[in-house]
Amino acid sequence: MERTKKLVAYFSCGGVTARAAQKIADAAEADLFEIAPAVRYTAADLDWTDKNSRSTKEMNDPDCRPQMAGRVENIGDYGVVFVGFPIWWYVAPRIVQTFLESADFSGKTIVPFFTSGGSGEGRTAEILKKSAPDCAWKPCRRFTGGESAEDVRAWLSSLGL
């Protein structure tokens, strides 16, 4: 069976990435999966100015892999997986690595996208590719939250998707 189904998997705390993921899922006719942490983040957990906040501790530990609340049971059905997240400390949050290491993505096309008010992707692609090395990776795309459905369709078309 040819794997033509698409999945948009995303991690979002403030809703911006969730909205971008929904636009992509609609435009790509893809299924949607939230990469949710087993323990949801509080506002205090996300306070990047606090050196003892949960997010700061996770991002300072390259081996940290926060647990997910669920998993994609039928990952083998998908040929293309969009992976979305906000940028934290110029990289993807550690839970995105948890997701990519939770299943066999070999042979799939991975399309990373991130949301950011101004930060670039930093070393995101380099780091994420280590978590799922046997994939065809597309370039990261930054979303600000203001993209139209037409913008998203044009992006998908430019990727051949």
N, C-alpha and C. Protein backbone atom coordinates (compact mmCIF):
# COMPACT_ATOMS: atom_id res chain seq x y z
N MET A 1 0.84 -1.18 0.00
CA MET A 1 0.00 0.00 0.00
C MET A 1 0.89 1.24 0.00
N GLU A 2 0.60 2.17 -0.89
CA GLU A 2 1.35 3.42 -0.94
C GLU A 2 0.89 4.32 0.20
N ARG A 3 1.86 4.89 0.88
CA ARG A 3 1.54 5.75 2.01
C ARG A 3 1.35 7.18 1.52
N THR A 4 0.12 7.53 1.23
CA THR A 4 -0.16 8.87 0.73
C THR A 4 -0.81 9.75 1.78
N LYS A 5 -1.18 9.18 2.91
CA LYS A 5 -1.81 9.98 3.95
C LYS A 5 -0.80 10.94 4.56
N LYS A 6 -1.33 12.06 5.00
CA LYS A 6 -0.48 13.08 5.63
C LYS A 6 -0.95 13.30 7.06
N LEU A 7 0.01 13.63 7.91
CA LEU A 7 -0.27 13.91 9.32
C LEU A 7 0.38 15.23 9.69
N VAL A 8 -0.34 16.05 10.43
CA VAL A 8 0.23 17.26 11.01
C VAL A 8 0.27 17.03 12.52
N ALA A 9 1.49 16.86 13.04
CA ALA A 9 1.69 16.69 14.48
C ALA A 9 2.27 17.99 15.00
N TYR A 10 1.72 18.48 16.10
CA TYR A 10 2.18 19.78 16.59
C TYR A 10 2.20 19.84 18.11
N PHE A 11 3.10 20.66 18.62
CA PHE A 11 3.16 20.99 20.03
C PHE A 11 2.89 22.48 20.15
N SER A 12 1.95 22.85 21.02
CA SER A 12 1.58 24.25 21.16
C SER A 12 1.23 24.53 22.61
N CYS A 13 1.71 25.65 23.11
CA CYS A 13 1.35 26.06 24.47
C CYS A 13 0.40 27.25 24.46
N GLY A 14 0.62 28.18 23.56
CA GLY A 14 -0.17 29.40 23.54
C GLY A 14 -1.24 29.46 22.47
N GLY A 15 -1.29 28.45 21.62
CA GLY A 15 -2.32 28.39 20.58
C GLY A 15 -1.87 28.82 19.20
N VAL A 16 -0.76 29.54 19.09
CA VAL A 16 -0.30 30.02 17.78
C VAL A 16 0.08 28.83 16.88
N THR A 17 0.85 27.90 17.43
CA THR A 17 1.25 26.73 16.64
C THR A 17 0.04 25.86 16.32
N ALA A 18 -0.89 25.74 17.24
CA ALA A 18 -2.11 24.95 16.99
C ALA A 18 -2.89 25.54 15.81
N ARG A 19 -3.00 26.86 15.75
CA ARG A 19 -3.71 27.50 14.63
C ARG A 19 -2.98 27.28 13.31
N ALA A 20 -1.66 27.39 13.32
CA ALA A 20 -0.89 27.13 12.10
C ALA A 20 -1.06 25.68 11.67
N ALA A 21 -1.02 24.77 12.62
CA ALA A 21 -1.19 23.34 12.32
C ALA A 21 -2.55 23.07 11.69
N GLN A 22 -3.58 23.71 12.21
CA GLN A 22 -4.92 23.52 11.65
C GLN A 22 -4.99 24.02 10.21
N LYS A 23 -4.38 25.17 9.93
CA LYS A 23 -4.35 25.69 8.56
C LYS A 23 -3.64 24.72 7.62
N ILE A 24 -2.52 24.17 8.08
CA ILE A 24 -1.77 23.22 7.25
C ILE A 24 -2.58 21.95 7.04
N ALA A 25 -3.19 21.44 8.10
CA ALA A 25 -4.00 20.22 7.98
C ALA A 25 -5.15 20.43 7.00
N ASP A 26 -5.80 21.57 7.08
CA ASP A 26 -6.90 21.87 6.16
C ASP A 26 -6.40 21.93 4.72
N ALA A 27 -5.30 22.65 4.49
CA ALA A 27 -4.78 22.82 3.13
C ALA A 27 -4.22 21.52 2.55
N ALA A 28 -3.62 20.71 3.40
CA ALA A 28 -2.99 19.46 2.93
C ALA A 28 -3.92 18.26 3.01
N GLU A 29 -5.13 18.48 3.51
CA GLU A 29 -6.08 17.37 3.74
C GLU A 29 -5.41 16.29 4.58
N ALA A 30 -4.86 16.74 5.71
CA ALA A 30 -4.08 15.87 6.59
C ALA A 30 -4.80 15.65 7.91
N ASP A 31 -4.46 14.56 8.57
CA ASP A 31 -4.93 14.31 9.92
C ASP A 31 -4.14 15.20 10.88
N LEU A 32 -4.70 15.43 12.05
CA LEU A 32 -4.10 16.32 13.03
C LEU A 32 -3.84 15.56 14.33
N PHE A 33 -2.66 15.77 14.92
CA PHE A 33 -2.30 15.13 16.19
C PHE A 33 -1.59 16.13 17.07
N GLU A 34 -2.08 16.32 18.28
CA GLU A 34 -1.41 17.22 19.21
C GLU A 34 -0.34 16.46 19.99
N ILE A 35 0.87 16.95 19.95
CA ILE A 35 1.96 16.41 20.76
C ILE A 35 1.78 17.06 22.14
N ALA A 36 1.03 16.39 22.98
CA ALA A 36 0.70 16.94 24.29
C ALA A 36 1.59 16.32 25.36
N PRO A 37 2.09 17.13 26.27
CA PRO A 37 2.90 16.57 27.35
C PRO A 37 2.01 15.82 28.35
N ALA A 38 2.57 14.79 28.97
CA ALA A 38 1.83 14.04 29.99
C ALA A 38 1.40 14.98 31.12
N VAL A 39 2.25 15.94 31.44
CA VAL A 39 1.94 16.97 32.43
C VAL A 39 1.95 18.30 31.69
N ARG A 40 0.79 18.93 31.60
CA ARG A 40 0.67 20.21 30.89
C ARG A 40 1.55 21.28 31.53
N TYR A 41 2.00 22.20 30.72
CA TYR A 41 2.82 23.31 31.21
C TYR A 41 1.93 24.39 31.82
N THR A 42 2.37 24.93 32.94
CA THR A 42 1.71 26.08 33.55
C THR A 42 2.43 27.34 33.07
N ALA A 43 1.87 28.49 33.40
CA ALA A 43 2.54 29.75 33.06
C ALA A 43 3.91 29.81 33.74
N ALA A 44 3.99 29.35 34.99
CA ALA A 44 5.27 29.35 35.71
C ALA A 44 6.27 28.42 35.03
N ASP A 45 5.80 27.28 34.51
CA ASP A 45 6.68 26.33 33.80
C ASP A 45 7.30 26.96 32.56
N LEU A 46 6.57 27.88 31.95
CA LEU A 46 7.00 28.49 30.68
C LEU A 46 7.75 29.80 30.86
N ASP A 47 8.00 30.21 32.09
CA ASP A 47 8.69 31.47 32.36
C ASP A 47 10.18 31.33 32.05
N TRP A 48 10.54 31.72 30.84
CA TRP A 48 11.92 31.55 30.38
C TRP A 48 12.90 32.44 31.13
N THR A 49 12.40 33.43 31.86
CA THR A 49 13.30 34.29 32.64
C THR A 49 13.67 33.66 33.98
N ASP A 50 12.98 32.61 34.36
CA ASP A 50 13.25 31.90 35.61
C ASP A 50 14.16 30.70 35.32
N LYS A 51 15.37 30.76 35.83
CA LYS A 51 16.33 29.68 35.58
C LYS A 51 15.90 28.34 36.17
N ASN A 52 14.93 28.36 37.06
CA ASN A 52 14.44 27.13 37.67
C ASN A 52 13.09 26.68 37.10
N SER A 53 12.61 27.35 36.06
CA SER A 53 11.34 26.93 35.47
C SER A 53 11.51 25.61 34.73
N ARG A 54 10.43 24.90 34.62
CA ARG A 54 10.45 23.59 33.94
C ARG A 54 11.01 23.69 32.53
N SER A 55 10.53 24.66 31.75
CA SER A 55 11.00 24.77 30.36
C SER A 55 12.48 25.09 30.29
N THR A 56 12.96 25.94 31.17
CA THR A 56 14.38 26.28 31.18
C THR A 56 15.23 25.06 31.52
N LYS A 57 14.80 24.31 32.52
CA LYS A 57 15.55 23.10 32.90
C LYS A 57 15.56 22.08 31.75
N GLU A 58 14.40 21.90 31.09
CA GLU A 58 14.34 20.96 29.97
C GLU A 58 15.27 21.39 28.84
N MET A 59 15.23 22.66 28.51
CA MET A 59 16.02 23.13 27.38
C MET A 59 17.51 23.15 27.67
N ASN A 60 17.87 23.23 28.93
CA ASN A 60 19.29 23.19 29.30
C ASN A 60 19.84 21.78 29.37
N ASP A 61 18.98 20.77 29.23
CA ASP A 61 19.40 19.37 29.28
C ASP A 61 19.14 18.71 27.92
N PRO A 62 20.18 18.58 27.10
CA PRO A 62 19.97 18.01 25.75
C PRO A 62 19.42 16.58 25.76
N ASP A 63 19.55 15.89 26.87
CA ASP A 63 19.04 14.51 26.94
C ASP A 63 17.62 14.43 27.47
N CYS A 64 17.04 15.55 27.86
CA CYS A 64 15.68 15.57 28.39
C CYS A 64 14.68 15.18 27.30
N ARG A 65 13.76 14.29 27.65
CA ARG A 65 12.69 13.89 26.75
C ARG A 65 11.40 13.85 27.56
N PRO A 66 10.68 14.97 27.63
CA PRO A 66 9.42 15.00 28.38
C PRO A 66 8.45 13.95 27.85
N GLN A 67 7.72 13.32 28.75
CA GLN A 67 6.76 12.30 28.35
C GLN A 67 5.58 12.93 27.63
N MET A 68 5.05 12.20 26.65
CA MET A 68 3.86 12.64 25.93
C MET A 68 2.62 11.99 26.54
N ALA A 69 1.49 12.66 26.39
CA ALA A 69 0.22 12.15 26.91
C ALA A 69 -0.32 11.01 26.04
N GLY A 70 0.03 10.98 24.79
CA GLY A 70 -0.47 9.95 23.88
C GLY A 70 0.50 9.76 22.73
N ARG A 71 0.14 8.89 21.82
CA ARG A 71 1.01 8.65 20.67
C ARG A 71 0.16 8.34 19.44
N VAL A 72 0.77 8.46 18.29
CA VAL A 72 0.10 8.12 17.04
C VAL A 72 0.21 6.60 16.89
N GLU A 73 -0.91 5.94 16.95
CA GLU A 73 -0.91 4.47 16.91
C GLU A 73 -0.65 3.92 15.51
N ASN A 74 -1.03 4.66 14.49
CA ASN A 74 -0.97 4.17 13.11
C ASN A 74 0.03 4.95 12.27
N ILE A 75 1.19 5.23 12.81
CA ILE A 75 2.17 6.07 12.12
C ILE A 75 2.58 5.47 10.77
N GLY A 76 2.51 4.16 10.63
CA GLY A 76 2.85 3.49 9.38
C GLY A 76 1.94 3.87 8.22
N ASP A 77 0.77 4.42 8.52
CA ASP A 77 -0.18 4.82 7.47
C ASP A 77 0.22 6.10 6.76
N TYR A 78 1.17 6.83 7.33
CA TYR A 78 1.49 8.16 6.81
C TYR A 78 2.80 8.17 6.05
N GLY A 79 2.79 8.87 4.92
CA GLY A 79 4.01 9.04 4.13
C GLY A 79 4.65 10.39 4.37
N VAL A 80 3.82 11.38 4.73
CA VAL A 80 4.30 12.73 5.00
C VAL A 80 3.84 13.12 6.40
N VAL A 81 4.80 13.61 7.20
CA VAL A 81 4.48 14.05 8.55
C VAL A 81 5.00 15.48 8.73
N PHE A 82 4.09 16.40 8.91
CA PHE A 82 4.43 17.78 9.27
C PHE A 82 4.63 17.79 10.78
N VAL A 83 5.67 18.45 11.24
CA VAL A 83 5.94 18.52 12.68
C VAL A 83 6.08 20.00 13.05
N GLY A 84 5.16 20.49 13.90
CA GLY A 84 5.14 21.90 14.24
C GLY A 84 5.37 22.17 15.71
N PHE A 85 5.94 23.34 15.99
CA PHE A 85 6.31 23.68 17.36
C PHE A 85 6.68 25.16 17.43
N PRO A 86 6.62 25.73 18.63
CA PRO A 86 7.18 27.08 18.82
C PRO A 86 8.70 26.95 18.98
N ILE A 87 9.41 28.00 18.69
CA ILE A 87 10.86 27.99 18.92
C ILE A 87 11.13 28.38 20.37
N TRP A 88 11.90 27.55 21.07
CA TRP A 88 12.35 27.83 22.44
C TRP A 88 13.86 27.83 22.41
N TRP A 89 14.48 28.87 22.85
CA TRP A 89 15.94 28.94 22.92
C TRP A 89 16.57 28.61 21.56
N TYR A 90 15.95 29.05 20.49
CA TYR A 90 16.43 28.87 19.11
C TYR A 90 16.43 27.43 18.63
N VAL A 91 15.67 26.57 19.29
CA VAL A 91 15.50 25.19 18.84
C VAL A 91 14.07 24.73 19.17
N ALA A 92 13.73 23.54 18.73
CA ALA A 92 12.43 22.96 19.05
C ALA A 92 12.41 22.53 20.52
N PRO A 93 11.26 22.64 21.18
CA PRO A 93 11.15 22.12 22.54
C PRO A 93 11.50 20.63 22.57
N ARG A 94 12.04 20.17 23.68
CA ARG A 94 12.51 18.77 23.80
C ARG A 94 11.42 17.75 23.52
N ILE A 95 10.17 18.08 23.78
CA ILE A 95 9.09 17.12 23.56
C ILE A 95 8.94 16.76 22.07
N VAL A 96 9.42 17.63 21.20
CA VAL A 96 9.39 17.31 19.76
C VAL A 96 10.36 16.16 19.47
N GLN A 97 11.49 16.15 20.15
CA GLN A 97 12.41 15.02 20.03
C GLN A 97 11.77 13.76 20.60
N THR A 98 11.04 13.89 21.71
CA THR A 98 10.31 12.75 22.26
C THR A 98 9.41 12.16 21.20
N PHE A 99 8.65 13.02 20.52
CA PHE A 99 7.74 12.57 19.47
C PHE A 99 8.48 11.85 18.35
N LEU A 100 9.54 12.45 17.85
CA LEU A 100 10.28 11.86 16.74
C LEU A 100 10.97 10.55 17.11
N GLU A 101 11.27 10.37 18.38
CA GLU A 101 11.91 9.14 18.85
C GLU A 101 10.89 8.10 19.33
N SER A 102 9.60 8.44 19.26
CA SER A 102 8.55 7.55 19.79
C SER A 102 8.08 6.51 18.78
N ALA A 103 8.49 6.65 17.53
CA ALA A 103 8.02 5.74 16.48
C ALA A 103 9.07 5.66 15.38
N ASP A 104 8.85 4.73 14.46
CA ASP A 104 9.77 4.57 13.33
C ASP A 104 9.29 5.45 12.17
N PHE A 105 10.04 6.50 11.89
CA PHE A 105 9.72 7.42 10.81
C PHE A 105 10.53 7.13 9.55
N SER A 106 11.22 6.00 9.51
CA SER A 106 12.06 5.65 8.36
C SER A 106 11.26 5.72 7.06
N GLY A 107 11.86 6.36 6.05
CA GLY A 107 11.26 6.42 4.74
C GLY A 107 10.19 7.49 4.57
N LYS A 108 9.84 8.17 5.64
CA LYS A 108 8.81 9.19 5.55
C LYS A 108 9.42 10.54 5.17
N THR A 109 8.59 11.41 4.70
CA THR A 109 8.98 12.79 4.47
C THR A 109 8.56 13.59 5.69
N ILE A 110 9.50 14.28 6.29
CA ILE A 110 9.23 15.11 7.46
C ILE A 110 9.31 16.57 7.05
N VAL A 111 8.27 17.31 7.39
CA VAL A 111 8.19 18.73 7.04
C VAL A 111 8.07 19.53 8.35
N PRO A 112 9.19 20.06 8.85
CA PRO A 112 9.12 20.82 10.09
C PRO A 112 8.65 22.26 9.85
N PHE A 113 7.82 22.74 10.77
CA PHE A 113 7.42 24.15 10.74
C PHE A 113 7.40 24.66 12.16
N PHE A 114 7.67 25.93 12.31
CA PHE A 114 7.70 26.49 13.65
C PHE A 114 7.05 27.86 13.67
N THR A 115 6.63 28.24 14.87
CA THR A 115 6.05 29.56 15.05
C THR A 115 6.99 30.39 15.88
N SER A 116 7.04 31.66 15.53
CA SER A 116 7.95 32.57 16.21
C SER A 116 7.57 33.99 15.85
N GLY A 117 7.67 34.86 16.83
CA GLY A 117 7.43 36.27 16.56
C GLY A 117 8.61 36.92 15.86
N GLY A 118 9.77 36.32 15.95
CA GLY A 118 10.94 36.92 15.32
C GLY A 118 12.16 36.02 15.28
N SER A 119 12.22 35.05 16.16
CA SER A 119 13.39 34.15 16.21
C SER A 119 13.43 33.25 14.98
N GLY A 120 14.65 32.94 14.55
CA GLY A 120 14.83 32.00 13.47
C GLY A 120 14.89 30.57 14.00
N GLU A 121 15.21 29.66 13.11
CA GLU A 121 15.21 28.25 13.49
C GLU A 121 16.46 27.82 14.24
N GLY A 122 17.50 28.63 14.22
CA GLY A 122 18.73 28.25 14.93
C GLY A 122 19.24 26.90 14.45
N ARG A 123 19.52 26.01 15.39
CA ARG A 123 20.04 24.67 15.07
C ARG A 123 18.94 23.60 15.03
N THR A 124 17.71 24.04 14.90
CA THR A 124 16.57 23.13 14.97
C THR A 124 16.69 21.94 14.03
N ALA A 125 16.90 22.20 12.75
CA ALA A 125 16.96 21.11 11.77
C ALA A 125 18.07 20.12 12.10
N GLU A 126 19.23 20.64 12.42
CA GLU A 126 20.38 19.79 12.77
C GLU A 126 20.05 18.87 13.95
N ILE A 127 19.43 19.41 14.97
CA ILE A 127 19.10 18.63 16.16
C ILE A 127 17.99 17.62 15.89
N LEU A 128 16.93 18.05 15.22
CA LEU A 128 15.79 17.15 14.99
C LEU A 128 16.15 15.98 14.07
N LYS A 129 16.99 16.23 13.09
CA LYS A 129 17.36 15.16 12.16
C LYS A 129 18.05 14.00 12.88
N LYS A 130 18.68 14.26 13.99
CA LYS A 130 19.32 13.19 14.78
C LYS A 130 18.27 12.28 15.42
N SER A 131 17.07 12.81 15.66
CA SER A 131 16.00 12.03 16.28
C SER A 131 15.25 11.15 15.28
N ALA A 132 15.35 11.47 14.01
CA ALA A 132 14.70 10.69 12.95
C ALA A 132 15.57 10.78 11.71
N PRO A 133 16.70 10.06 11.71
CA PRO A 133 17.70 10.24 10.65
C PRO A 133 17.36 9.61 9.30
N ASP A 134 16.50 8.62 9.28
CA ASP A 134 16.24 7.89 8.04
C ASP A 134 15.01 8.40 7.30
N CYS A 135 14.89 9.73 7.23
CA CYS A 135 13.75 10.38 6.61
C CYS A 135 14.22 11.34 5.53
N ALA A 136 13.28 11.72 4.70
CA ALA A 136 13.54 12.81 3.76
C ALA A 136 13.03 14.08 4.44
N TRP A 137 13.95 14.95 4.80
CA TRP A 137 13.60 16.17 5.53
C TRP A 137 13.44 17.34 4.56
N LYS A 138 12.35 18.05 4.71
CA LYS A 138 12.14 19.30 3.97
C LYS A 138 12.67 20.44 4.84
N PRO A 139 12.95 21.61 4.26
CA PRO A 139 13.43 22.74 5.05
C PRO A 139 12.38 23.22 6.06
N CYS A 140 12.85 23.73 7.19
CA CYS A 140 11.95 24.32 8.19
C CYS A 140 11.27 25.56 7.61
N ARG A 141 10.04 25.78 8.02
CA ARG A 141 9.30 26.97 7.61
C ARG A 141 8.81 27.69 8.86
N ARG A 142 9.02 29.00 8.89
CA ARG A 142 8.57 29.83 10.01
C ARG A 142 7.19 30.38 9.72
N PHE A 143 6.30 30.29 10.71
CA PHE A 143 4.98 30.88 10.64
C PHE A 143 4.87 31.92 11.75
N THR A 144 4.23 33.03 11.45
CA THR A 144 4.05 34.09 12.45
C THR A 144 2.64 34.08 13.03
N GLY A 145 1.74 33.37 12.38
CA GLY A 145 0.34 33.35 12.82
C GLY A 145 -0.56 34.14 11.89
N GLY A 146 0.02 34.95 11.02
CA GLY A 146 -0.78 35.77 10.12
C GLY A 146 -0.93 35.22 8.72
N GLU A 147 -0.46 34.00 8.49
CA GLU A 147 -0.52 33.44 7.14
C GLU A 147 -1.96 33.09 6.76
N SER A 148 -2.27 33.35 5.51
CA SER A 148 -3.60 33.01 4.99
C SER A 148 -3.60 31.56 4.50
N ALA A 149 -4.79 31.06 4.24
CA ALA A 149 -4.91 29.72 3.66
C ALA A 149 -4.21 29.67 2.31
N GLU A 150 -4.28 30.77 1.57
CA GLU A 150 -3.61 30.83 0.27
C GLU A 150 -2.09 30.75 0.43
N ASP A 151 -1.55 31.43 1.44
CA ASP A 151 -0.11 31.35 1.73
C ASP A 151 0.31 29.91 2.02
N VAL A 152 -0.50 29.22 2.80
CA VAL A 152 -0.18 27.84 3.17
C VAL A 152 -0.24 26.94 1.94
N ARG A 153 -1.26 27.10 1.12
CA ARG A 153 -1.36 26.29 -0.10
C ARG A 153 -0.18 26.53 -1.04
N ALA A 154 0.27 27.78 -1.15
CA ALA A 154 1.42 28.10 -2.00
C ALA A 154 2.68 27.43 -1.46
N TRP A 155 2.84 27.45 -0.15
CA TRP A 155 4.00 26.77 0.48
C TRP A 155 3.96 25.28 0.19
N LEU A 156 2.81 24.66 0.38
CA LEU A 156 2.68 23.22 0.11
C LEU A 156 3.01 22.91 -1.34
N SER A 157 2.52 23.74 -2.24
CA SER A 157 2.79 23.55 -3.66
C SER A 157 4.29 23.66 -3.95
N SER A 158 4.95 24.62 -3.30
CA SER A 158 6.40 24.78 -3.52
C SER A 158 7.19 23.56 -3.06
N LEU A 159 6.62 22.81 -2.12
CA LEU A 159 7.25 21.59 -1.61
C LEU A 159 6.88 20.36 -2.43
N GLY A 160 5.97 20.54 -3.37
CA GLY A 160 5.50 19.39 -4.16
C GLY A 160 4.50 18.55 -3.40
N LEU A 161 3.85 19.16 -2.42
CA LEU A 161 2.88 18.44 -1.60
C LEU A 161 1.49 18.99 -1.88
